[in-house]
Amino acid sequence: MITKVSRTEAIKAKLKSEGKVTSLNSKQHIAAIIAMNKRLESARRAFQIMDRKSINEAASIILTA
């Protein structure tokens, strides 16, 4: 018979029994998560714009040896 060994599940159970795990489901936590997601989305968009500009500039440069 195959038994599945999961260190992650053991660690989760240990932390939960020690009281080190909390659920982030209060209104304050949800508001913080939404704000963080908005900041990350704007940072991701800025990175994508810079990446596209970099690719376009690299494509327009003619390399000579």
C-alpha atoms as a PDB file:
ATOM      1  CA  MET A   1       0.000   0.000   0.000  1.00  0.00           C
ATOM      2  CA  ILE A   2       1.277   3.468  -0.856  1.00  0.00           C
ATOM      3  CA  THR A   3       1.429   6.037   1.924  1.00  0.00           C
ATOM      4  CA  LYS A   4       1.772   9.700   1.146  1.00  0.00           C
ATOM      5  CA  VAL A   5       4.324  11.601   3.217  1.00  0.00           C
ATOM      6  CA  SER A   6       3.689  15.319   3.349  1.00  0.00           C
ATOM      7  CA  ARG A   7       6.046  17.482   5.376  1.00  0.00           C
ATOM      8  CA  THR A   8       3.885  20.498   4.567  1.00  0.00           C
ATOM      9  CA  GLU A   9       0.835  18.999   6.245  1.00  0.00           C
ATOM     10  CA  ALA A  10       2.917  18.073   9.306  1.00  0.00           C
ATOM     11  CA  ILE A  11       4.295  21.608   9.563  1.00  0.00           C
ATOM     12  CA  LYS A  12       0.813  23.114   9.152  1.00  0.00           C
ATOM     13  CA  ALA A  13      -0.593  20.862  11.879  1.00  0.00           C
ATOM     14  CA  LYS A  14       2.284  21.713  14.235  1.00  0.00           C
ATOM     15  CA  LEU A  15       1.890  25.453  13.724  1.00  0.00           C
ATOM     16  CA  LYS A  16      -1.873  25.229  14.195  1.00  0.00           C
ATOM     17  CA  SER A  17      -1.475  23.287  17.454  1.00  0.00           C
ATOM     18  CA  GLU A  18       0.993  25.939  18.702  1.00  0.00           C
ATOM     19  CA  GLY A  19      -1.507  28.702  17.890  1.00  0.00           C
ATOM     20  CA  LYS A  20       0.735  30.359  15.307  1.00  0.00           C
ATOM     21  CA  VAL A  21      -1.848  30.228  12.511  1.00  0.00           C
ATOM     22  CA  THR A  22      -4.526  32.862  12.041  1.00  0.00           C
ATOM     23  CA  SER A  23      -7.197  33.267   9.395  1.00  0.00           C
ATOM     24  CA  LEU A  24      -7.136  36.495   7.419  1.00  0.00           C
ATOM     25  CA  ASN A  25     -10.879  36.822   7.034  1.00  0.00           C
ATOM     26  CA  SER A  26     -11.721  39.940   9.038  1.00  0.00           C
ATOM     27  CA  LYS A  27     -12.791  43.132   7.266  1.00  0.00           C
ATOM     28  CA  GLN A  28      -9.473  44.768   8.146  1.00  0.00           C
ATOM     29  CA  HIS A  29      -7.471  41.884   6.674  1.00  0.00           C
ATOM     30  CA  ILE A  30      -9.558  41.780   3.507  1.00  0.00           C
ATOM     31  CA  ALA A  31      -9.130  45.549   3.009  1.00  0.00           C
ATOM     32  CA  ALA A  32      -5.359  45.190   3.414  1.00  0.00           C
ATOM     33  CA  ILE A  33      -5.281  42.320   0.907  1.00  0.00           C
ATOM     34  CA  ILE A  34      -7.286  44.339  -1.636  1.00  0.00           C
ATOM     35  CA  ALA A  35      -4.981  47.353  -1.217  1.00  0.00           C
ATOM     36  CA  MET A  36      -1.901  45.166  -1.628  1.00  0.00           C
ATOM     37  CA  ASN A  37      -3.346  43.567  -4.774  1.00  0.00           C
ATOM     38  CA  LYS A  38      -3.981  47.010  -6.296  1.00  0.00           C
ATOM     39  CA  ARG A  39      -0.400  48.128  -5.588  1.00  0.00           C
ATOM     40  CA  LEU A  40       0.977  44.898  -7.031  1.00  0.00           C
ATOM     41  CA  GLU A  41      -1.172  45.255 -10.135  1.00  0.00           C
ATOM     42  CA  SER A  42       0.127  48.767 -10.797  1.00  0.00           C
ATOM     43  CA  ALA A  43       3.732  47.630 -10.239  1.00  0.00           C
ATOM     44  CA  ARG A  44       3.176  44.688 -12.595  1.00  0.00           C
ATOM     45  CA  ARG A  45       1.783  47.008 -15.291  1.00  0.00           C
ATOM     46  CA  ALA A  46       4.707  49.414 -14.907  1.00  0.00           C
ATOM     47  CA  PHE A  47       7.140  46.514 -15.282  1.00  0.00           C
ATOM     48  CA  GLN A  48       5.354  45.250 -18.391  1.00  0.00           C
ATOM     49  CA  ILE A  49       5.529  48.731 -19.966  1.00  0.00           C
ATOM     50  CA  MET A  50       9.246  49.024 -19.210  1.00  0.00           C
ATOM     51  CA  ASP A  51       9.826  45.516 -20.563  1.00  0.00           C
ATOM     52  CA  ARG A  52       8.028  46.301 -23.840  1.00  0.00           C
ATOM     53  CA  LYS A  53       9.977  49.556 -24.237  1.00  0.00           C
ATOM     54  CA  SER A  54      13.225  47.714 -23.624  1.00  0.00           C
ATOM     55  CA  ILE A  55      12.381  45.059 -26.202  1.00  0.00           C
ATOM     56  CA  ASN A  56      11.415  47.702 -28.781  1.00  0.00           C
ATOM     57  CA  GLU A  57      14.623  49.659 -28.178  1.00  0.00           C
ATOM     58  CA  ALA A  58      16.716  46.506 -28.418  1.00  0.00           C
ATOM     59  CA  ALA A  59      15.032  45.596 -31.696  1.00  0.00           C
ATOM     60  CA  SER A  60      15.804  49.009 -33.182  1.00  0.00           C
ATOM     61  CA  ILE A  61      19.507  48.936 -32.398  1.00  0.00           C
ATOM     62  CA  ILE A  62      21.748  47.631 -35.159  1.00  0.00           C
ATOM     63  CA  LEU A  63      24.736  45.793 -33.779  1.00  0.00           C
ATOM     64  CA  THR A  64      28.010  46.033 -35.649  1.00  0.00           C
ATOM     65  CA  ALA A  65      31.069  43.976 -34.903  1.00  0.00           C
END
